[in-house]
PDB file of all heavy atoms in Angstrom:
ATOM      1  N   TYR A   1      -3.079  -3.103   8.371  1.00  0.00           N
ATOM      2  CA  TYR A   1      -3.206  -4.242   9.279  1.00  0.00           C
ATOM      3  C   TYR A   1      -1.920  -5.068   9.254  1.00  0.00           C
ATOM      4  O   TYR A   1      -1.516  -5.566   8.199  1.00  0.00           O
ATOM      5  CB  TYR A   1      -4.406  -5.092   8.834  1.00  0.00           C
ATOM      6  CG  TYR A   1      -4.673  -6.328   9.653  1.00  0.00           C
ATOM      7  CD1 TYR A   1      -5.057  -6.241  10.997  1.00  0.00           C
ATOM      8  CD2 TYR A   1      -4.575  -7.594   9.075  1.00  0.00           C
ATOM      9  CE1 TYR A   1      -5.321  -7.388  11.735  1.00  0.00           C
ATOM     10  CE2 TYR A   1      -4.848  -8.741   9.815  1.00  0.00           C
ATOM     11  CZ  TYR A   1      -5.223  -8.626  11.143  1.00  0.00           C
ATOM     12  OH  TYR A   1      -5.489  -9.760  11.868  1.00  0.00           O
ATOM     13  N   LEU A   2      -1.254  -5.146  10.398  1.00  0.00           N
ATOM     14  CA  LEU A   2      -0.030  -5.947  10.573  1.00  0.00           C
ATOM     15  C   LEU A   2       1.058  -5.563   9.569  1.00  0.00           C
ATOM     16  O   LEU A   2       1.789  -6.406   9.050  1.00  0.00           O
ATOM     17  CB  LEU A   2      -0.348  -7.444  10.456  1.00  0.00           C
ATOM     18  CG  LEU A   2      -1.367  -8.020  11.457  1.00  0.00           C
ATOM     19  CD1 LEU A   2      -1.630  -9.492  11.159  1.00  0.00           C
ATOM     20  CD2 LEU A   2      -0.878  -7.834  12.888  1.00  0.00           C
ATOM     21  N   THR A   3       1.174  -4.272   9.300  1.00  0.00           N
ATOM     22  CA  THR A   3       2.169  -3.823   8.319  1.00  0.00           C
ATOM     23  C   THR A   3       3.528  -3.486   8.947  1.00  0.00           C
ATOM     24  O   THR A   3       4.518  -3.355   8.226  1.00  0.00           O
ATOM     25  CB  THR A   3       1.657  -2.580   7.570  1.00  0.00           C
ATOM     26  OG1 THR A   3       1.354  -1.552   8.536  1.00  0.00           O
ATOM     27  CG2 THR A   3       0.409  -2.897   6.762  1.00  0.00           C
ATOM     28  N   GLU A   4       3.574  -3.345  10.283  1.00  0.00           N
ATOM     29  CA  GLU A   4       4.792  -2.853  10.938  1.00  0.00           C
ATOM     30  C   GLU A   4       6.010  -3.739  10.671  1.00  0.00           C
ATOM     31  O   GLU A   4       7.105  -3.241  10.435  1.00  0.00           O
ATOM     32  CB  GLU A   4       4.572  -2.720  12.454  1.00  0.00           C
ATOM     33  CG  GLU A   4       3.532  -1.686  12.858  1.00  0.00           C
ATOM     34  CD  GLU A   4       2.116  -2.239  12.800  1.00  0.00           C
ATOM     35  OE1 GLU A   4       1.936  -3.410  12.387  1.00  0.00           O
ATOM     36  OE2 GLU A   4       1.180  -1.511  13.160  1.00  0.00           O
ATOM     37  N   ASP A   5       5.817  -5.054  10.699  1.00  0.00           N
ATOM     38  CA  ASP A   5       6.941  -5.976  10.491  1.00  0.00           C
ATOM     39  C   ASP A   5       6.768  -6.821   9.233  1.00  0.00           C
ATOM     40  O   ASP A   5       7.471  -7.808   9.030  1.00  0.00           O
ATOM     41  CB  ASP A   5       7.100  -6.903  11.707  1.00  0.00           C
ATOM     42  CG  ASP A   5       5.901  -7.842  11.867  1.00  0.00           C
ATOM     43  OD1 ASP A   5       4.824  -7.534  11.317  1.00  0.00           O
ATOM     44  OD2 ASP A   5       6.050  -8.890  12.534  1.00  0.00           O
ATOM     45  N   ALA A   6       5.843  -6.422   8.374  1.00  0.00           N
ATOM     46  CA  ALA A   6       5.489  -7.267   7.225  1.00  0.00           C
ATOM     47  C   ALA A   6       6.635  -7.384   6.218  1.00  0.00           C
ATOM     48  O   ALA A   6       7.345  -6.424   5.945  1.00  0.00           O
ATOM     49  CB  ALA A   6       4.243  -6.721   6.546  1.00  0.00           C
ATOM     50  N   GLU A   7       6.780  -8.591   5.678  1.00  0.00           N
ATOM     51  CA  GLU A   7       7.722  -8.847   4.586  1.00  0.00           C
ATOM     52  C   GLU A   7       7.015  -8.854   3.236  1.00  0.00           C
ATOM     53  O   GLU A   7       7.668  -8.730   2.195  1.00  0.00           O
ATOM     54  CB  GLU A   7       8.421 -10.197   4.791  1.00  0.00           C
ATOM     55  CG  GLU A   7       9.385 -10.241   5.964  1.00  0.00           C
ATOM     56  CD  GLU A   7      10.060 -11.579   6.059  1.00  0.00           C
ATOM     57  OE1 GLU A   7       9.350 -12.596   6.168  1.00  0.00           O
ATOM     58  OE2 GLU A   7      11.303 -11.608   6.000  1.00  0.00           O
ATOM     59  N   VAL A   8       5.710  -9.032   3.271  1.00  0.00           N
ATOM     60  CA  VAL A   8       4.915  -9.001   2.051  1.00  0.00           C
ATOM     61  C   VAL A   8       3.594  -8.311   2.376  1.00  0.00           C
ATOM     62  O   VAL A   8       3.033  -8.483   3.459  1.00  0.00           O
ATOM     63  CB  VAL A   8       4.680 -10.430   1.496  1.00  0.00           C
ATOM     64  CG1 VAL A   8       3.887 -11.278   2.481  1.00  0.00           C
ATOM     65  CG2 VAL A   8       3.966 -10.389   0.151  1.00  0.00           C
ATOM     66  N   ILE A   9       3.134  -7.496   1.451  1.00  0.00           N
ATOM     67  CA  ILE A   9       1.904  -6.734   1.639  1.00  0.00           C
ATOM     68  C   ILE A   9       0.848  -7.242   0.668  1.00  0.00           C
ATOM     69  O   ILE A   9       1.124  -7.430  -0.523  1.00  0.00           O
ATOM     70  CB  ILE A   9       2.132  -5.231   1.401  1.00  0.00           C
ATOM     71  CG1 ILE A   9       3.087  -4.647   2.441  1.00  0.00           C
ATOM     72  CG2 ILE A   9       0.814  -4.460   1.390  1.00  0.00           C
ATOM     73  CD1 ILE A   9       2.532  -4.627   3.860  1.00  0.00           C
ATOM     74  N   VAL A  10      -0.351  -7.453   1.190  1.00  0.00           N
ATOM     75  CA  VAL A  10      -1.510  -7.710   0.342  1.00  0.00           C
ATOM     76  C   VAL A  10      -2.342  -6.430   0.347  1.00  0.00           C
ATOM     77  O   VAL A  10      -2.583  -5.848   1.412  1.00  0.00           O
ATOM     78  CB  VAL A  10      -2.348  -8.895   0.851  1.00  0.00           C
ATOM     79  CG1 VAL A  10      -3.528  -9.145  -0.083  1.00  0.00           C
ATOM     80  CG2 VAL A  10      -1.490 -10.147   0.982  1.00  0.00           C
ATOM     81  N   SER A  11      -2.751  -5.982  -0.809  1.00  0.00           N
ATOM     82  CA  SER A  11      -3.563  -4.774  -0.885  1.00  0.00           C
ATOM     83  C   SER A  11      -4.809  -5.043  -1.720  1.00  0.00           C
ATOM     84  O   SER A  11      -4.734  -5.646  -2.795  1.00  0.00           O
ATOM     85  CB  SER A  11      -2.774  -3.609  -1.489  1.00  0.00           C
ATOM     86  OG  SER A  11      -3.513  -2.404  -1.373  1.00  0.00           O
ATOM     87  N   ALA A  12      -5.945  -4.607  -1.202  1.00  0.00           N
ATOM     88  CA  ALA A  12      -7.234  -4.829  -1.861  1.00  0.00           C
ATOM     89  C   ALA A  12      -8.233  -3.841  -1.281  1.00  0.00           C
ATOM     90  O   ALA A  12      -7.986  -3.219  -0.244  1.00  0.00           O
ATOM     91  CB  ALA A  12      -7.708  -6.260  -1.648  1.00  0.00           C
ATOM     92  N   TYR A  13      -9.382  -3.701  -1.943  1.00  0.00           N
ATOM     93  CA  TYR A  13     -10.424  -2.808  -1.441  1.00  0.00           C
ATOM     94  C   TYR A  13     -11.768  -3.517  -1.533  1.00  0.00           C
ATOM     95  O   TYR A  13     -11.905  -4.551  -2.191  1.00  0.00           O
ATOM     96  CB  TYR A  13     -10.454  -1.495  -2.227  1.00  0.00           C
ATOM     97  CG  TYR A  13     -11.043  -1.607  -3.618  1.00  0.00           C
ATOM     98  CD1 TYR A  13     -12.375  -1.279  -3.864  1.00  0.00           C
ATOM     99  CD2 TYR A  13     -10.283  -2.052  -4.698  1.00  0.00           C
ATOM    100  CE1 TYR A  13     -12.923  -1.381  -5.138  1.00  0.00           C
ATOM    101  CE2 TYR A  13     -10.816  -2.148  -5.973  1.00  0.00           C
ATOM    102  CZ  TYR A  13     -12.132  -1.817  -6.183  1.00  0.00           C
ATOM    103  OH  TYR A  13     -12.679  -1.931  -7.438  1.00  0.00           O
ATOM    104  N   GLY A  14     -12.773  -2.957  -0.854  1.00  0.00           N
ATOM    105  CA  GLY A  14     -14.119  -3.516  -0.917  1.00  0.00           C
ATOM    106  C   GLY A  14     -14.155  -4.958  -0.447  1.00  0.00           C
ATOM    107  O   GLY A  14     -13.447  -5.362   0.473  1.00  0.00           O
ATOM    108  N   ILE A  15     -14.979  -5.766  -1.100  1.00  0.00           N
ATOM    109  CA  ILE A  15     -15.137  -7.163  -0.688  1.00  0.00           C
ATOM    110  C   ILE A  15     -13.827  -7.930  -0.826  1.00  0.00           C
ATOM    111  O   ILE A  15     -13.534  -8.837  -0.036  1.00  0.00           O
ATOM    112  CB  ILE A  15     -16.280  -7.843  -1.483  1.00  0.00           C
ATOM    113  CG1 ILE A  15     -16.664  -9.188  -0.845  1.00  0.00           C
ATOM    114  CG2 ILE A  15     -15.911  -8.010  -2.944  1.00  0.00           C
ATOM    115  CD1 ILE A  15     -17.226  -9.074   0.555  1.00  0.00           C
ATOM    116  N   SER A  16     -12.996  -7.575  -1.800  1.00  0.00           N
ATOM    117  CA  SER A  16     -11.702  -8.235  -1.941  1.00  0.00           C
ATOM    118  C   SER A  16     -10.802  -7.937  -0.749  1.00  0.00           C
ATOM    119  O   SER A  16      -9.970  -8.763  -0.363  1.00  0.00           O
ATOM    120  CB  SER A  16     -11.018  -7.805  -3.237  1.00  0.00           C
ATOM    121  OG  SER A  16     -11.740  -8.264  -4.358  1.00  0.00           O
ATOM    122  N   GLY A  17     -10.960  -6.754  -0.150  1.00  0.00           N
ATOM    123  CA  GLY A  17     -10.197  -6.427   1.045  1.00  0.00           C
ATOM    124  C   GLY A  17     -10.563  -7.319   2.209  1.00  0.00           C
ATOM    125  O   GLY A  17      -9.709  -7.673   3.030  1.00  0.00           O
ATOM    126  N   ARG A  18     -11.824  -7.689   2.279  1.00  0.00           N
ATOM    127  CA  ARG A  18     -12.265  -8.593   3.348  1.00  0.00           C
ATOM    128  C   ARG A  18     -11.675  -9.990   3.153  1.00  0.00           C
ATOM    129  O   ARG A  18     -11.207 -10.620   4.102  1.00  0.00           O
ATOM    130  CB  ARG A  18     -13.798  -8.644   3.326  1.00  0.00           C
ATOM    131  CG  ARG A  18     -14.431  -9.465   4.406  1.00  0.00           C
ATOM    132  CD  ARG A  18     -15.935  -9.248   4.358  1.00  0.00           C
ATOM    133  NE  ARG A  18     -16.637  -9.983   5.370  1.00  0.00           N
ATOM    134  CZ  ARG A  18     -17.880  -9.716   5.749  1.00  0.00           C
ATOM    135  NH1 ARG A  18     -18.519  -8.706   5.192  1.00  0.00           N
ATOM    136  NH2 ARG A  18     -18.477 -10.435   6.667  1.00  0.00           N
ATOM    137  N   ILE A  19     -11.680 -10.445   1.914  1.00  0.00           N
ATOM    138  CA  ILE A  19     -11.096 -11.748   1.594  1.00  0.00           C
ATOM    139  C   ILE A  19      -9.593 -11.711   1.869  1.00  0.00           C
ATOM    140  O   ILE A  19      -9.018 -12.651   2.428  1.00  0.00           O
ATOM    141  CB  ILE A  19     -11.385 -12.114   0.130  1.00  0.00           C
ATOM    142  CG1 ILE A  19     -12.901 -12.246  -0.095  1.00  0.00           C
ATOM    143  CG2 ILE A  19     -10.668 -13.394  -0.278  1.00  0.00           C
ATOM    144  CD1 ILE A  19     -13.318 -12.264  -1.555  1.00  0.00           C
ATOM    145  N   ALA A  20      -8.946 -10.605   1.490  1.00  0.00           N
ATOM    146  CA  ALA A  20      -7.500 -10.478   1.669  1.00  0.00           C
ATOM    147  C   ALA A  20      -7.109 -10.480   3.142  1.00  0.00           C
ATOM    148  O   ALA A  20      -6.066 -11.047   3.514  1.00  0.00           O
ATOM    149  CB  ALA A  20      -7.018  -9.191   1.002  1.00  0.00           C
ATOM    150  N   LYS A  21      -7.922  -9.879   3.996  1.00  0.00           N
ATOM    151  CA  LYS A  21      -7.588  -9.844   5.422  1.00  0.00           C
ATOM    152  C   LYS A  21      -7.589 -11.245   6.011  1.00  0.00           C
ATOM    153  O   LYS A  21      -6.714 -11.597   6.820  1.00  0.00           O
ATOM    154  CB  LYS A  21      -8.576  -8.946   6.171  1.00  0.00           C
ATOM    155  CG  LYS A  21      -8.164  -8.679   7.614  1.00  0.00           C
ATOM    156  CD  LYS A  21      -9.046  -7.598   8.229  1.00  0.00           C
ATOM    157  CE  LYS A  21      -8.546  -7.198   9.603  1.00  0.00           C
ATOM    158  NZ  LYS A  21      -9.364  -6.097  10.184  1.00  0.00           N
ATOM    159  N   SER A  22      -8.537 -12.071   5.609  1.00  0.00           N
ATOM    160  CA  SER A  22      -8.554 -13.448   6.095  1.00  0.00           C
ATOM    161  C   SER A  22      -7.336 -14.210   5.588  1.00  0.00           C
ATOM    162  O   SER A  22      -6.768 -15.055   6.292  1.00  0.00           O
ATOM    163  CB  SER A  22      -9.849 -14.153   5.688  1.00  0.00           C
ATOM    164  OG  SER A  22      -9.906 -14.336   4.283  1.00  0.00           O
ATOM    165  N   ALA A  23      -6.887 -13.896   4.359  1.00  0.00           N
ATOM    166  CA  ALA A  23      -5.687 -14.539   3.820  1.00  0.00           C
ATOM    167  C   ALA A  23      -4.456 -14.136   4.620  1.00  0.00           C
ATOM    168  O   ALA A  23      -3.574 -14.965   4.901  1.00  0.00           O
ATOM    169  CB  ALA A  23      -5.516 -14.169   2.353  1.00  0.00           C
ATOM    170  N   VAL A  24      -4.370 -12.872   5.005  1.00  0.00           N
ATOM    171  CA  VAL A  24      -3.237 -12.401   5.809  1.00  0.00           C
ATOM    172  C   VAL A  24      -3.178 -13.151   7.130  1.00  0.00           C
ATOM    173  O   VAL A  24      -2.103 -13.564   7.587  1.00  0.00           O
ATOM    174  CB  VAL A  24      -3.342 -10.873   6.032  1.00  0.00           C
ATOM    175  CG1 VAL A  24      -2.402 -10.414   7.141  1.00  0.00           C
ATOM    176  CG2 VAL A  24      -3.029 -10.130   4.742  1.00  0.00           C
ATOM    177  N   ASN A  25      -4.331 -13.343   7.762  1.00  0.00           N
ATOM    178  CA  ASN A  25      -4.354 -14.093   9.030  1.00  0.00           C
ATOM    179  C   ASN A  25      -3.870 -15.522   8.839  1.00  0.00           C
ATOM    180  O   ASN A  25      -3.140 -16.070   9.691  1.00  0.00           O
ATOM    181  CB  ASN A  25      -5.767 -14.071   9.617  1.00  0.00           C
ATOM    182  CG  ASN A  25      -6.160 -12.715  10.152  1.00  0.00           C
ATOM    183  OD1 ASN A  25      -5.311 -11.933  10.584  1.00  0.00           O
ATOM    184  ND2 ASN A  25      -7.445 -12.409  10.135  1.00  0.00           N
ATOM    185  N   MET A  26      -4.258 -16.160   7.759  1.00  0.00           N
ATOM    186  CA  MET A  26      -3.805 -17.523   7.485  1.00  0.00           C
ATOM    187  C   MET A  26      -2.308 -17.570   7.220  1.00  0.00           C
ATOM    188  O   MET A  26      -1.608 -18.487   7.673  1.00  0.00           O
ATOM    189  CB  MET A  26      -4.575 -18.096   6.296  1.00  0.00           C
ATOM    190  CG  MET A  26      -6.048 -18.329   6.566  1.00  0.00           C
ATOM    191  SD  MET A  26      -6.927 -19.010   5.137  1.00  0.00           S
ATOM    192  CE  MET A  26      -6.191 -20.640   5.044  1.00  0.00           C
ATOM    193  N   LEU A  27      -1.800 -16.578   6.496  1.00  0.00           N
ATOM    194  CA  LEU A  27      -0.362 -16.535   6.214  1.00  0.00           C
ATOM    195  C   LEU A  27       0.443 -16.328   7.493  1.00  0.00           C
ATOM    196  O   LEU A  27       1.521 -16.924   7.663  1.00  0.00           O
ATOM    197  CB  LEU A  27      -0.072 -15.416   5.212  1.00  0.00           C
ATOM    198  CG  LEU A  27      -0.602 -15.677   3.789  1.00  0.00           C
ATOM    199  CD1 LEU A  27      -0.660 -14.377   2.993  1.00  0.00           C
ATOM    200  CD2 LEU A  27       0.263 -16.712   3.070  1.00  0.00           C
ATOM    201  N   ARG A  28      -0.053 -15.491   8.371  1.00  0.00           N
ATOM    202  CA  ARG A  28       0.617 -15.292   9.660  1.00  0.00           C
ATOM    203  C   ARG A  28       0.684 -16.597  10.443  1.00  0.00           C
ATOM    204  O   ARG A  28       1.685 -16.898  11.098  1.00  0.00           O
ATOM    205  CB  ARG A  28      -0.115 -14.219  10.463  1.00  0.00           C
ATOM    206  CG  ARG A  28       0.121 -12.806   9.978  1.00  0.00           C
ATOM    207  CD  ARG A  28       1.390 -12.234  10.551  1.00  0.00           C
ATOM    208  NE  ARG A  28       1.740 -10.937   9.980  1.00  0.00           N
ATOM    209  CZ  ARG A  28       2.675 -10.117  10.497  1.00  0.00           C
ATOM    210  NH1 ARG A  28       3.329 -10.477  11.582  1.00  0.00           N
ATOM    211  NH2 ARG A  28       2.969  -8.978   9.907  1.00  0.00           N
ATOM    212  N   ALA A  29      -0.390 -17.379  10.361  1.00  0.00           N
ATOM    213  CA  ALA A  29      -0.405 -18.673  11.055  1.00  0.00           C
ATOM    214  C   ALA A  29       0.637 -19.633  10.482  1.00  0.00           C
ATOM    215  O   ALA A  29       1.123 -20.522  11.183  1.00  0.00           O
ATOM    216  CB  ALA A  29      -1.797 -19.291  10.975  1.00  0.00           C
ATOM    217  N   GLU A  30       0.993 -19.438   9.208  1.00  0.00           N
ATOM    218  CA  GLU A  30       2.025 -20.252   8.570  1.00  0.00           C
ATOM    219  C   GLU A  30       3.430 -19.756   8.868  1.00  0.00           C
ATOM    220  O   GLU A  30       4.420 -20.382   8.477  1.00  0.00           O
ATOM    221  CB  GLU A  30       1.840 -20.237   7.041  1.00  0.00           C
ATOM    222  CG  GLU A  30       0.597 -20.909   6.532  1.00  0.00           C
ATOM    223  CD  GLU A  30       0.492 -20.808   5.017  1.00  0.00           C
ATOM    224  OE1 GLU A  30       1.498 -20.465   4.363  1.00  0.00           O
ATOM    225  OE2 GLU A  30      -0.609 -21.067   4.493  1.00  0.00           O
ATOM    226  N   GLY A  31       3.531 -18.601   9.523  1.00  0.00           N
ATOM    227  CA  GLY A  31       4.836 -18.022   9.807  1.00  0.00           C
ATOM    228  C   GLY A  31       5.290 -16.997   8.784  1.00  0.00           C
ATOM    229  O   GLY A  31       6.416 -16.501   8.856  1.00  0.00           O
ATOM    230  N   ILE A  32       4.441 -16.679   7.822  1.00  0.00           N
ATOM    231  CA  ILE A  32       4.773 -15.658   6.812  1.00  0.00           C
ATOM    232  C   ILE A  32       4.289 -14.304   7.323  1.00  0.00           C
ATOM    233  O   ILE A  32       3.102 -14.131   7.625  1.00  0.00           O
ATOM    234  CB  ILE A  32       4.117 -15.980   5.457  1.00  0.00           C
ATOM    235  CG1 ILE A  32       4.680 -17.294   4.897  1.00  0.00           C
ATOM    236  CG2 ILE A  32       4.350 -14.840   4.469  1.00  0.00           C
ATOM    237  CD1 ILE A  32       4.019 -17.758   3.620  1.00  0.00           C
ATOM    238  N   ARG A  33       5.201 -13.342   7.419  1.00  0.00           N
ATOM    239  CA  ARG A  33       4.846 -12.032   7.956  1.00  0.00           C
ATOM    240  C   ARG A  33       4.176 -11.194   6.859  1.00  0.00           C
ATOM    241  O   ARG A  33       4.823 -10.425   6.141  1.00  0.00           O
ATOM    242  CB  ARG A  33       6.083 -11.333   8.521  1.00  0.00           C
ATOM    243  CG  ARG A  33       6.661 -12.034   9.750  1.00  0.00           C
ATOM    244  CD  ARG A  33       7.457 -11.078  10.628  1.00  0.00           C
ATOM    245  NE  ARG A  33       8.590 -10.506   9.932  1.00  0.00           N
ATOM    246  CZ  ARG A  33       9.796 -11.050   9.869  1.00  0.00           C
ATOM    247  NH1 ARG A  33      10.020 -12.239  10.464  1.00  0.00           N
ATOM    248  NH2 ARG A  33      10.790 -10.448   9.249  1.00  0.00           N
ATOM    249  N   ALA A  34       2.888 -11.393   6.741  1.00  0.00           N
ATOM    250  CA  ALA A  34       2.084 -10.669   5.751  1.00  0.00           C
ATOM    251  C   ALA A  34       1.344  -9.523   6.432  1.00  0.00           C
ATOM    252  O   ALA A  34       1.010  -9.591   7.623  1.00  0.00           O
ATOM    253  CB  ALA A  34       1.097 -11.611   5.084  1.00  0.00           C
ATOM    254  N   GLY A  35       1.094  -8.468   5.676  1.00  0.00           N
ATOM    255  CA  GLY A  35       0.308  -7.344   6.158  1.00  0.00           C
ATOM    256  C   GLY A  35      -0.693  -6.916   5.099  1.00  0.00           C
ATOM    257  O   GLY A  35      -0.629  -7.348   3.946  1.00  0.00           O
ATOM    258  N   LEU A  36      -1.624  -6.063   5.487  1.00  0.00           N
ATOM    259  CA  LEU A  36      -2.701  -5.629   4.593  1.00  0.00           C
ATOM    260  C   LEU A  36      -2.785  -4.116   4.543  1.00  0.00           C
ATOM    261  O   LEU A  36      -2.748  -3.449   5.582  1.00  0.00           O
ATOM    262  CB  LEU A  36      -4.039  -6.191   5.082  1.00  0.00           C
ATOM    263  CG  LEU A  36      -5.302  -5.702   4.347  1.00  0.00           C
ATOM    264  CD1 LEU A  36      -5.394  -6.324   2.961  1.00  0.00           C
ATOM    265  CD2 LEU A  36      -6.559  -6.011   5.162  1.00  0.00           C
ATOM    266  N   ILE A  37      -2.890  -3.575   3.338  1.00  0.00           N
ATOM    267  CA  ILE A  37      -3.276  -2.174   3.142  1.00  0.00           C
ATOM    268  C   ILE A  37      -4.592  -2.189   2.382  1.00  0.00           C
ATOM    269  O   ILE A  37      -4.641  -2.634   1.235  1.00  0.00           O
ATOM    270  CB  ILE A  37      -2.211  -1.384   2.371  1.00  0.00           C
ATOM    271  CG1 ILE A  37      -0.915  -1.298   3.190  1.00  0.00           C
ATOM    272  CG2 ILE A  37      -2.726   0.025   2.055  1.00  0.00           C
ATOM    273  CD1 ILE A  37       0.218  -0.572   2.472  1.00  0.00           C
TER     274      ILE A  37
END
Protein backbone atom coordinates (compact mmCIF):
# COMPACT_ATOMS: atom_id res chain seq x y z
CA TYR A 1 0.00 0.00 0.00
CA LEU A 2 1.49 3.32 -1.20
CA THR A 3 4.95 1.78 -1.50
CA GLU A 4 5.82 3.18 -4.96
CA ASP A 5 7.16 6.53 -3.69
CA ALA A 6 7.52 5.69 0.00
CA GLU A 7 10.46 7.02 2.01
CA VAL A 8 9.56 4.91 5.03
CA ILE A 9 7.83 1.54 5.19
CA VAL A 10 5.59 0.27 7.96
CA SER A 11 5.22 -3.50 8.01
CA ALA A 12 2.79 -5.50 10.13
CA TYR A 13 0.40 -8.45 9.87
CA GLY A 14 -3.01 -9.39 11.24
CA ILE A 15 -4.72 -6.83 13.46
CA SER A 16 -1.48 -4.85 13.72
CA GLY A 17 -1.54 -4.51 9.94
CA ARG A 18 -4.93 -2.86 10.18
CA ILE A 19 -3.67 -0.43 12.81
CA ALA A 20 -0.55 0.23 10.72
CA LYS A 21 -2.56 1.07 7.60
CA SER A 22 -4.46 3.78 9.45
CA ALA A 23 -1.12 5.14 10.69
CA VAL A 24 0.20 5.28 7.12
CA ASN A 25 -2.83 7.32 6.06
CA MET A 26 -2.25 9.77 8.91
CA LEU A 27 1.44 10.09 8.04
CA ARG A 28 0.58 10.82 4.42
CA ALA A 29 -1.72 13.59 5.63
CA GLU A 30 1.29 15.06 7.46
CA GLY A 31 3.34 15.02 4.26
CA ILE A 32 5.43 11.97 5.21
CA ARG A 33 5.61 9.51 2.32
CA ALA A 34 4.89 6.32 4.24
CA GLY A 35 3.92 2.97 2.75
CA LEU A 36 2.71 -0.38 4.08
CA ILE A 37 3.77 -3.97 3.46
